Structures are given as C-alpha cells and as structure tokens.
C-alpha cells in the first residue's frame, strides 16, 4: 500500500506571520478516505533545501503533496526546485496555458509572459485543476504541487486523491480503540504492548501519557489501531493485561 506525505512551504509560516492550517486539514481529508499521513515537513523558501528534499522524496514510492511556492514572485521556488530535483526542464504546459488564457479572458485581462509563467512546470507534468481561479497546480509522477492558499489547495488535493488514488481508499481503512489506564506507568505495560503487537499482526499499539489536571487523574491512553477485524480482539487483550497488572481503566469514548 502506498504511503502519503505532506510538505508545507513558506517563510511566512516558519517566521510566525501565518499559522499553518494545512496539516490538520490534510489529516482530515485523508482520514475521510481511510488514509493517513506517514510524515510531514515544513520548509522555508530556500531553493537548495527544496531541491534536496524533492530529490529525496522523488526517490521514494510515497505519494507527496506539496503546498506553497508555485507562484512567480522572487520567493517562489517550488516549480524550479521540482524540475531541478527531477532532472527535467521547465516548460509551458499546454493544458495550463489553456486554463490561464481562459481565466484572463474571464477577467478581461491581457495574457502576459509573467502570467503564462504560472503554467511553466517540470516537463512531463500533468495539471491539477483549480476550482477557485483556474490557475492550475501540477503533478509530477506521484508528487502533487498545490498553491499555499487553503481555499485552493484543499479541493485540489481532494481532486487528486479521488482521481488517482481511489483504489487505496478501502485498502487503507483502519479502526482504533483505546482505554484510559488510571495512574498507569508505561514502563510496567511495555511487555504487554509488545506482546499484543506480536499476537495480532497488522495491529499497532500506541500509548499517550497524560500528567493529569485539576479535572482528570494522571493516566495513559493505551490503544490499538489497524485492521478493523483485529482491533476488537486486540483491545480485549490489552484490557485483560492491564487488569492483570492491577490497574483500573475506562473505555475512551
């Protein structure tokens, strides 16, 4: 099964001028399709670092979404970095040119070289339709380059998933169940966690310690996620193991 990654580009995020909204939304978009992110990275507007990153990710089998930097201002480097990393030239994509010309006609604006530059993408790319203003993003292999603006990027990402990766949707379905182990210590439950993963292939055990607050006792959220058919069995095994250790627990709702 393919794995999915997200790259979020922009000095404005790393310097605190804007708050990132992409990460949470991509988790939601993928989750609605039974998928999840395996990794995410934040990068500034530095072309050498972008090239290095895209070389690495292009060498993987991951599906990668990249948000930001596909404009034509001096701080936009994504298109050039993607082409350099792929070892191909930039070229004016005819489908992108068609969309840009159509958009300028709608606005009654001239088609200038700077505007057509928005359609120059790594050779061999496919465009990603932009329902907001028709200025497209682009896909190169399994890398999908989107604008930084959420109102553009999010529907474009959904289009990419529904168009190219629908076969993954059911394959990626997973369930999750958890208990709250009151006053639990992860160290005492470590062997139980390892045994549960060994006994239930396809299941991942997770633990999230919580130091407690005025309204809730100290606890560990202990749970399992993975193949739906195995989650119910695995959580019962965890419950039995936690009880054997003398801990009280409640089902996390």
C-alpha atoms as a PDB file:
ATOM      1  CA  UNK A   1       0.000   0.000   0.000  1.00  0.00           C
ATOM      2  CA  UNK A   2       1.217   3.472  -0.846  1.00  0.00           C
ATOM      3  CA  UNK A   3       2.158   5.852   1.931  1.00  0.00           C
ATOM      4  CA  UNK A   4       1.393   9.575   1.952  1.00  0.00           C
ATOM      5  CA  UNK A   5       3.479  12.600   2.878  1.00  0.00           C
ATOM      6  CA  UNK A   6       2.979  16.360   3.089  1.00  0.00           C
ATOM      7  CA  UNK A   7       5.407  19.224   2.512  1.00  0.00           C
ATOM      8  CA  UNK A   8       4.364  22.720   3.628  1.00  0.00           C
ATOM      9  CA  UNK A   9       6.477  25.531   2.191  1.00  0.00           C
ATOM     10  CA  UNK A  10       6.799  29.149   3.207  1.00  0.00           C
ATOM     11  CA  UNK A  11       8.903  31.501   5.293  1.00  0.00           C
ATOM     12  CA  UNK A  12       5.711  33.168   6.491  1.00  0.00           C
ATOM     13  CA  UNK A  13       4.777  30.025   8.429  1.00  0.00           C
ATOM     14  CA  UNK A  14       8.228  29.367   9.864  1.00  0.00           C
ATOM     15  CA  UNK A  15       8.577  33.008  10.934  1.00  0.00           C
ATOM     16  CA  UNK A  16       5.154  33.145  12.541  1.00  0.00           C
ATOM     17  CA  UNK A  17       3.474  35.561  10.120  1.00  0.00           C
ATOM     18  CA  UNK A  18       0.836  32.948   9.324  1.00  0.00           C
ATOM     19  CA  UNK A  19      -0.427  29.906  11.157  1.00  0.00           C
ATOM     20  CA  UNK A  20      -0.353  26.649   9.234  1.00  0.00           C
ATOM     21  CA  UNK A  21      -3.768  25.139   8.565  1.00  0.00           C
ATOM     22  CA  UNK A  22      -2.730  22.520   6.024  1.00  0.00           C
ATOM     23  CA  UNK A  23      -1.531  19.767   8.338  1.00  0.00           C
ATOM     24  CA  UNK A  24      -4.789  19.389  10.259  1.00  0.00           C
ATOM     25  CA  UNK A  25      -6.858  19.628   7.068  1.00  0.00           C
ATOM     26  CA  UNK A  26      -4.814  17.032   5.188  1.00  0.00           C
ATOM     27  CA  UNK A  27      -5.185  14.663   8.134  1.00  0.00           C
ATOM     28  CA  UNK A  28      -8.951  15.213   7.821  1.00  0.00           C
ATOM     29  CA  UNK A  29      -9.030  14.884   4.002  1.00  0.00           C
ATOM     30  CA  UNK A  30      -7.032  11.670   4.037  1.00  0.00           C
ATOM     31  CA  UNK A  31      -8.866  10.284   7.057  1.00  0.00           C
ATOM     32  CA  UNK A  32     -12.216  10.683   5.297  1.00  0.00           C
ATOM     33  CA  UNK A  33     -10.857   8.287   2.680  1.00  0.00           C
ATOM     34  CA  UNK A  34      -9.414   5.783   5.113  1.00  0.00           C
ATOM     35  CA  UNK A  35      -5.851   7.050   4.621  1.00  0.00           C
ATOM     36  CA  UNK A  36      -3.328   8.804   6.838  1.00  0.00           C
ATOM     37  CA  UNK A  37      -0.107  10.772   6.636  1.00  0.00           C
ATOM     38  CA  UNK A  38       3.113   8.888   7.267  1.00  0.00           C
ATOM     39  CA  UNK A  39       5.131  12.082   7.537  1.00  0.00           C
ATOM     40  CA  UNK A  40       5.029  15.865   7.145  1.00  0.00           C
ATOM     41  CA  UNK A  41       7.759  18.505   6.747  1.00  0.00           C
ATOM     42  CA  UNK A  42       7.870  22.296   6.951  1.00  0.00           C
ATOM     43  CA  UNK A  43      10.346  24.084   4.681  1.00  0.00           C
ATOM     44  CA  UNK A  44      11.247  27.699   4.098  1.00  0.00           C
ATOM     45  CA  UNK A  45      11.675  29.475   0.787  1.00  0.00           C
ATOM     46  CA  UNK A  46      15.188  28.162   0.184  1.00  0.00           C
ATOM     47  CA  UNK A  47      15.686  26.655  -3.273  1.00  0.00           C
ATOM     48  CA  UNK A  48      18.719  24.450  -2.421  1.00  0.00           C
ATOM     49  CA  UNK A  49      16.882  22.861   0.510  1.00  0.00           C
ATOM     50  CA  UNK A  50      13.763  22.372  -1.610  1.00  0.00           C
ATOM     51  CA  UNK A  51      15.804  20.673  -4.330  1.00  0.00           C
ATOM     52  CA  UNK A  52      17.468  18.398  -1.785  1.00  0.00           C
ATOM     53  CA  UNK A  53      14.096  17.496  -0.264  1.00  0.00           C
ATOM     54  CA  UNK A  54      12.384  16.784  -3.597  1.00  0.00           C
ATOM     55  CA  UNK A  55      15.309  14.637  -4.748  1.00  0.00           C
ATOM     56  CA  UNK A  56      14.859  12.522  -1.640  1.00  0.00           C
ATOM     57  CA  UNK A  57      11.090  12.251  -1.863  1.00  0.00           C
ATOM     58  CA  UNK A  58      11.081  11.602  -5.623  1.00  0.00           C
ATOM     59  CA  UNK A  59      13.388   8.667  -4.961  1.00  0.00           C
ATOM     60  CA  UNK A  60      10.741   7.165  -2.661  1.00  0.00           C
ATOM     61  CA  UNK A  61       7.464   5.466  -3.532  1.00  0.00           C
ATOM     62  CA  UNK A  62       5.444   7.940  -1.464  1.00  0.00           C
ATOM     63  CA  UNK A  63       2.528   9.999  -2.671  1.00  0.00           C
ATOM     64  CA  UNK A  64       3.573  13.538  -1.749  1.00  0.00           C
ATOM     65  CA  UNK A  65       1.510  16.712  -1.546  1.00  0.00           C
ATOM     66  CA  UNK A  66       3.431  19.990  -1.550  1.00  0.00           C
ATOM     67  CA  UNK A  67       1.681  23.230  -0.600  1.00  0.00           C
ATOM     68  CA  UNK A  68       3.135  26.631  -1.437  1.00  0.00           C
ATOM     69  CA  UNK A  69       5.706  28.351  -3.602  1.00  0.00           C
ATOM     70  CA  UNK A  70       4.274  27.652  -7.069  1.00  0.00           C
ATOM     71  CA  UNK A  71       3.769  31.333  -7.945  1.00  0.00           C
ATOM     72  CA  UNK A  72       6.188  33.580  -9.840  1.00  0.00           C
ATOM     73  CA  UNK A  73       7.330  36.080  -7.202  1.00  0.00           C
ATOM     74  CA  UNK A  74      11.006  36.084  -6.180  1.00  0.00           C
ATOM     75  CA  UNK A  75      10.317  33.993  -3.077  1.00  0.00           C
ATOM     76  CA  UNK A  76       8.537  31.237  -5.034  1.00  0.00           C
ATOM     77  CA  UNK A  77      10.946  28.403  -5.814  1.00  0.00           C
ATOM     78  CA  UNK A  78       8.864  25.226  -5.870  1.00  0.00           C
ATOM     79  CA  UNK A  79       8.438  24.800  -9.626  1.00  0.00           C
ATOM     80  CA  UNK A  80      12.135  25.356 -10.308  1.00  0.00           C
ATOM     81  CA  UNK A  81      13.193  23.134  -7.408  1.00  0.00           C
ATOM     82  CA  UNK A  82      10.911  20.301  -8.519  1.00  0.00           C
ATOM     83  CA  UNK A  83      12.279  20.453 -12.072  1.00  0.00           C
ATOM     84  CA  UNK A  84      15.861  20.517 -10.850  1.00  0.00           C
ATOM     85  CA  UNK A  85      15.269  17.599  -8.489  1.00  0.00           C
ATOM     86  CA  UNK A  86      13.629  15.584 -11.277  1.00  0.00           C
ATOM     87  CA  UNK A  87      16.392  16.447 -13.742  1.00  0.00           C
ATOM     88  CA  UNK A  88      13.982  17.851 -16.345  1.00  0.00           C
ATOM     89  CA  UNK A  89      13.484  21.347 -17.786  1.00  0.00           C
ATOM     90  CA  UNK A  90      10.599  23.672 -17.090  1.00  0.00           C
ATOM     91  CA  UNK A  91       8.172  24.026 -19.962  1.00  0.00           C
ATOM     92  CA  UNK A  92       4.871  25.757 -20.615  1.00  0.00           C
ATOM     93  CA  UNK A  93       2.255  23.044 -20.214  1.00  0.00           C
ATOM     94  CA  UNK A  94      -0.413  23.404 -22.924  1.00  0.00           C
ATOM     95  CA  UNK A  95      -3.255  22.478 -20.562  1.00  0.00           C
ATOM     96  CA  UNK A  96      -2.028  25.037 -18.047  1.00  0.00           C
ATOM     97  CA  UNK A  97      -1.734  27.645 -20.809  1.00  0.00           C
ATOM     98  CA  UNK A  98      -5.322  26.954 -21.870  1.00  0.00           C
ATOM     99  CA  UNK A  99      -6.591  27.448 -18.293  1.00  0.00           C
ATOM    100  CA  UNK A 100      -4.588  30.643 -17.791  1.00  0.00           C
ATOM    101  CA  UNK A 101      -5.799  32.123 -21.070  1.00  0.00           C
ATOM    102  CA  UNK A 102      -9.395  31.217 -20.192  1.00  0.00           C
ATOM    103  CA  UNK A 103      -9.050  32.858 -16.786  1.00  0.00           C
ATOM    104  CA  UNK A 104      -7.603  36.052 -18.239  1.00  0.00           C
ATOM    105  CA  UNK A 105     -10.461  36.173 -20.760  1.00  0.00           C
ATOM    106  CA  UNK A 106     -12.956  35.885 -17.891  1.00  0.00           C
ATOM    107  CA  UNK A 107     -11.273  38.811 -16.162  1.00  0.00           C
ATOM    108  CA  UNK A 108     -10.772  40.865 -19.320  1.00  0.00           C
ATOM    109  CA  UNK A 109      -7.056  40.971 -18.610  1.00  0.00           C
ATOM    110  CA  UNK A 110      -4.159  40.562 -21.066  1.00  0.00           C
ATOM    111  CA  UNK A 111      -2.162  37.343 -21.213  1.00  0.00           C
ATOM    112  CA  UNK A 112       1.346  38.469 -20.256  1.00  0.00           C
ATOM    113  CA  UNK A 113       4.575  36.449 -20.152  1.00  0.00           C
ATOM    114  CA  UNK A 114       4.519  36.682 -16.352  1.00  0.00           C
ATOM    115  CA  UNK A 115       1.050  35.161 -16.244  1.00  0.00           C
ATOM    116  CA  UNK A 116       1.991  32.373 -18.640  1.00  0.00           C
ATOM    117  CA  UNK A 117       4.983  31.671 -16.420  1.00  0.00           C
ATOM    118  CA  UNK A 118       2.462  30.309 -13.899  1.00  0.00           C
ATOM    119  CA  UNK A 119       1.974  27.442 -16.350  1.00  0.00           C
ATOM    120  CA  UNK A 120       5.638  26.522 -16.671  1.00  0.00           C
ATOM    121  CA  UNK A 121       6.129  23.208 -14.895  1.00  0.00           C
ATOM    122  CA  UNK A 122       8.593  20.295 -14.972  1.00  0.00           C
ATOM    123  CA  UNK A 123       8.451  18.554 -18.361  1.00  0.00           C
ATOM    124  CA  UNK A 124       6.135  15.563 -18.198  1.00  0.00           C
ATOM    125  CA  UNK A 125       3.822  17.088 -15.596  1.00  0.00           C
ATOM    126  CA  UNK A 126       0.030  16.934 -15.536  1.00  0.00           C
ATOM    127  CA  UNK A 127      -2.066  19.845 -14.361  1.00  0.00           C
ATOM    128  CA  UNK A 128      -4.292  19.866 -11.278  1.00  0.00           C
ATOM    129  CA  UNK A 129      -7.484  21.874 -11.887  1.00  0.00           C
ATOM    130  CA  UNK A 130      -8.010  24.854  -9.615  1.00  0.00           C
ATOM    131  CA  UNK A 131     -11.741  25.449  -8.998  1.00  0.00           C
ATOM    132  CA  UNK A 132     -11.067  28.791  -7.324  1.00  0.00           C
ATOM    133  CA  UNK A 133      -9.406  30.766 -10.118  1.00  0.00           C
ATOM    134  CA  UNK A 134      -8.393  28.218 -12.814  1.00  0.00           C
ATOM    135  CA  UNK A 135      -4.646  28.785 -12.274  1.00  0.00           C
ATOM    136  CA  UNK A 136      -3.615  25.129 -12.003  1.00  0.00           C
ATOM    137  CA  UNK A 137      -1.243  23.212  -9.844  1.00  0.00           C
ATOM    138  CA  UNK A 138       0.719  20.326 -11.291  1.00  0.00           C
ATOM    139  CA  UNK A 139       1.555  16.687 -10.696  1.00  0.00           C
ATOM    140  CA  UNK A 140       4.912  15.130 -11.489  1.00  0.00           C
ATOM    141  CA  UNK A 141       4.745  11.374 -11.043  1.00  0.00           C
ATOM    142  CA  UNK A 142       3.222  10.871  -7.563  1.00  0.00           C
ATOM    143  CA  UNK A 143       4.160  14.359  -6.369  1.00  0.00           C
ATOM    144  CA  UNK A 144       1.360  16.912  -6.391  1.00  0.00           C
ATOM    145  CA  UNK A 145       2.191  20.607  -6.165  1.00  0.00           C
ATOM    146  CA  UNK A 146      -0.522  22.899  -4.870  1.00  0.00           C
ATOM    147  CA  UNK A 147      -0.848  26.603  -4.018  1.00  0.00           C
ATOM    148  CA  UNK A 148      -0.341  27.714  -0.454  1.00  0.00           C
ATOM    149  CA  UNK A 149      -3.837  29.179  -0.225  1.00  0.00           C
ATOM    150  CA  UNK A 150      -6.094  26.733   1.650  1.00  0.00           C
ATOM    151  CA  UNK A 151      -9.223  27.598  -0.352  1.00  0.00           C
ATOM    152  CA  UNK A 152      -7.368  26.459  -3.484  1.00  0.00           C
ATOM    153  CA  UNK A 153      -5.141  23.698  -2.152  1.00  0.00           C
ATOM    154  CA  UNK A 154      -7.737  21.653  -0.272  1.00  0.00           C
ATOM    155  CA  UNK A 155     -10.245  20.998  -3.080  1.00  0.00           C
ATOM    156  CA  UNK A 156      -7.332  20.403  -5.452  1.00  0.00           C
ATOM    157  CA  UNK A 157      -5.898  17.780  -3.093  1.00  0.00           C
ATOM    158  CA  UNK A 158      -9.282  16.074  -2.870  1.00  0.00           C
ATOM    159  CA  UNK A 159      -9.482  16.004  -6.670  1.00  0.00           C
ATOM    160  CA  UNK A 160      -6.047  14.373  -6.854  1.00  0.00           C
ATOM    161  CA  UNK A 161      -6.992  11.687  -4.341  1.00  0.00           C
ATOM    162  CA  UNK A 162     -10.337  10.917  -5.949  1.00  0.00           C
ATOM    163  CA  UNK A 163      -8.865  10.906  -9.461  1.00  0.00           C
ATOM    164  CA  UNK A 164      -5.652   8.938  -8.972  1.00  0.00           C
ATOM    165  CA  UNK A 165      -5.801   7.015  -5.695  1.00  0.00           C
ATOM    166  CA  UNK A 166      -9.370   5.782  -5.185  1.00  0.00           C
ATOM    167  CA  UNK A 167      -8.058   2.205  -5.246  1.00  0.00           C
ATOM    168  CA  UNK A 168      -6.237   2.937  -1.993  1.00  0.00           C
ATOM    169  CA  UNK A 169      -9.284   4.052  -0.075  1.00  0.00           C
ATOM    170  CA  UNK A 170     -10.570   0.703   1.174  1.00  0.00           C
ATOM    171  CA  UNK A 171      -7.066  -0.750   1.460  1.00  0.00           C
ATOM    172  CA  UNK A 172      -6.192   1.985   3.936  1.00  0.00           C
ATOM    173  CA  UNK A 173      -9.255   1.615   6.139  1.00  0.00           C
ATOM    174  CA  UNK A 174      -8.350   1.155   9.766  1.00  0.00           C
ATOM    175  CA  UNK A 175     -10.101   1.141  13.097  1.00  0.00           C
ATOM    176  CA  UNK A 176      -8.959   2.341  16.504  1.00  0.00           C
ATOM    177  CA  UNK A 177      -9.897   1.589  20.097  1.00  0.00           C
ATOM    178  CA  UNK A 178      -8.368   2.775  23.375  1.00  0.00           C
ATOM    179  CA  UNK A 179      -8.667   2.670  27.141  1.00  0.00           C
ATOM    180  CA  UNK A 180      -7.615   5.169  29.806  1.00  0.00           C
ATOM    181  CA  UNK A 181      -5.357   3.412  32.312  1.00  0.00           C
ATOM    182  CA  UNK A 182      -5.594   5.359  35.568  1.00  0.00           C
ATOM    183  CA  UNK A 183      -2.247   6.107  37.235  1.00  0.00           C
ATOM    184  CA  UNK A 184      -0.624   3.798  34.692  1.00  0.00           C
ATOM    185  CA  UNK A 185       3.107   3.645  34.070  1.00  0.00           C
ATOM    186  CA  UNK A 186       4.250   2.920  30.518  1.00  0.00           C
ATOM    187  CA  UNK A 187       7.286   1.005  31.745  1.00  0.00           C
ATOM    188  CA  UNK A 188       5.094  -1.521  33.565  1.00  0.00           C
ATOM    189  CA  UNK A 189       2.939  -2.010  30.468  1.00  0.00           C
ATOM    190  CA  UNK A 190       5.755  -2.256  27.914  1.00  0.00           C
ATOM    191  CA  UNK A 191       5.842  -6.050  27.702  1.00  0.00           C
ATOM    192  CA  UNK A 192       2.055  -6.122  27.368  1.00  0.00           C
ATOM    193  CA  UNK A 193       2.248  -3.684  24.449  1.00  0.00           C
ATOM    194  CA  UNK A 194       4.942  -5.719  22.710  1.00  0.00           C
ATOM    195  CA  UNK A 195       3.072  -8.991  23.241  1.00  0.00           C
ATOM    196  CA  UNK A 196      -0.143  -7.523  21.848  1.00  0.00           C
ATOM    197  CA  UNK A 197       1.589  -6.414  18.641  1.00  0.00           C
ATOM    198  CA  UNK A 198       3.217  -9.856  18.313  1.00  0.00           C
ATOM    199  CA  UNK A 199      -0.067 -11.676  18.911  1.00  0.00           C
ATOM    200  CA  UNK A 200      -2.085  -9.537  16.494  1.00  0.00           C
ATOM    201  CA  UNK A 201      -0.226  -8.965  13.198  1.00  0.00           C
ATOM    202  CA  UNK A 202      -1.438  -5.853  11.420  1.00  0.00           C
ATOM    203  CA  UNK A 203      -2.144  -4.062  14.699  1.00  0.00           C
ATOM    204  CA  UNK A 204      -0.179  -1.113  16.070  1.00  0.00           C
ATOM    205  CA  UNK A 205      -0.240  -0.412  19.813  1.00  0.00           C
ATOM    206  CA  UNK A 206       0.060   3.205  20.946  1.00  0.00           C
ATOM    207  CA  UNK A 207       0.362   4.892  24.346  1.00  0.00           C
ATOM    208  CA  UNK A 208      -0.149   8.552  25.210  1.00  0.00           C
ATOM    209  CA  UNK A 209       0.793   9.530  28.787  1.00  0.00           C
ATOM    210  CA  UNK A 210      -1.174  12.333  30.427  1.00  0.00           C
ATOM    211  CA  UNK A 211       0.145  14.004  33.574  1.00  0.00           C
ATOM    212  CA  UNK A 212      -3.373  14.836  34.712  1.00  0.00           C
ATOM    213  CA  UNK A 213      -5.054  18.071  35.639  1.00  0.00           C
ATOM    214  CA  UNK A 214      -7.456  19.533  38.162  1.00  0.00           C
ATOM    215  CA  UNK A 215     -10.305  17.730  36.435  1.00  0.00           C
ATOM    216  CA  UNK A 216      -8.667  14.427  35.420  1.00  0.00           C
ATOM    217  CA  UNK A 217      -6.360  11.928  37.109  1.00  0.00           C
ATOM    218  CA  UNK A 218      -2.988  11.010  35.722  1.00  0.00           C
ATOM    219  CA  UNK A 219      -3.403   8.274  33.126  1.00  0.00           C
ATOM    220  CA  UNK A 220      -2.090   6.612  29.991  1.00  0.00           C
ATOM    221  CA  UNK A 221      -4.269   6.397  26.913  1.00  0.00           C
ATOM    222  CA  UNK A 222      -3.468   2.881  25.722  1.00  0.00           C
ATOM    223  CA  UNK A 223      -4.880   1.714  22.427  1.00  0.00           C
ATOM    224  CA  UNK A 224      -4.659  -0.203  19.200  1.00  0.00           C
ATOM    225  CA  UNK A 225      -5.216   0.696  15.569  1.00  0.00           C
ATOM    226  CA  UNK A 226      -5.121  -1.288  12.383  1.00  0.00           C
ATOM    227  CA  UNK A 227      -7.189  -3.858  10.549  1.00  0.00           C
ATOM    228  CA  UNK A 228     -10.795  -3.451  11.757  1.00  0.00           C
ATOM    229  CA  UNK A 229     -11.333  -7.204  12.090  1.00  0.00           C
ATOM    230  CA  UNK A 230      -8.488  -7.469  14.616  1.00  0.00           C
ATOM    231  CA  UNK A 231      -8.929  -4.305  16.647  1.00  0.00           C
ATOM    232  CA  UNK A 232     -11.749  -5.671  18.831  1.00  0.00           C
ATOM    233  CA  UNK A 233      -9.704  -8.747  19.780  1.00  0.00           C
ATOM    234  CA  UNK A 234      -6.560  -6.736  20.430  1.00  0.00           C
ATOM    235  CA  UNK A 235      -8.224  -4.203  22.725  1.00  0.00           C
ATOM    236  CA  UNK A 236      -9.726  -7.040  24.767  1.00  0.00           C
ATOM    237  CA  UNK A 237      -6.233  -8.479  25.161  1.00  0.00           C
ATOM    238  CA  UNK A 238      -4.990  -5.100  26.375  1.00  0.00           C
ATOM    239  CA  UNK A 239      -7.855  -4.807  28.847  1.00  0.00           C
ATOM    240  CA  UNK A 240      -7.086  -8.232  30.292  1.00  0.00           C
ATOM    241  CA  UNK A 241      -3.382  -7.449  30.524  1.00  0.00           C
ATOM    242  CA  UNK A 242      -3.957  -4.097  32.219  1.00  0.00           C
ATOM    243  CA  UNK A 243      -6.311  -5.677  34.743  1.00  0.00           C
ATOM    244  CA  UNK A 244      -3.722  -8.379  35.480  1.00  0.00           C
ATOM    245  CA  UNK A 245      -1.248  -5.609  36.285  1.00  0.00           C
ATOM    246  CA  UNK A 246      -3.679  -4.275  38.876  1.00  0.00           C
ATOM    247  CA  UNK A 247      -4.652  -1.101  37.043  1.00  0.00           C
ATOM    248  CA  UNK A 248      -8.145   0.297  36.717  1.00  0.00           C
ATOM    249  CA  UNK A 249      -9.249   1.617  33.359  1.00  0.00           C
ATOM    250  CA  UNK A 250     -12.149   3.077  31.415  1.00  0.00           C
ATOM    251  CA  UNK A 251     -13.046   2.880  27.746  1.00  0.00           C
ATOM    252  CA  UNK A 252     -12.005   6.008  25.862  1.00  0.00           C
ATOM    253  CA  UNK A 253     -15.029   7.454  24.155  1.00  0.00           C
END
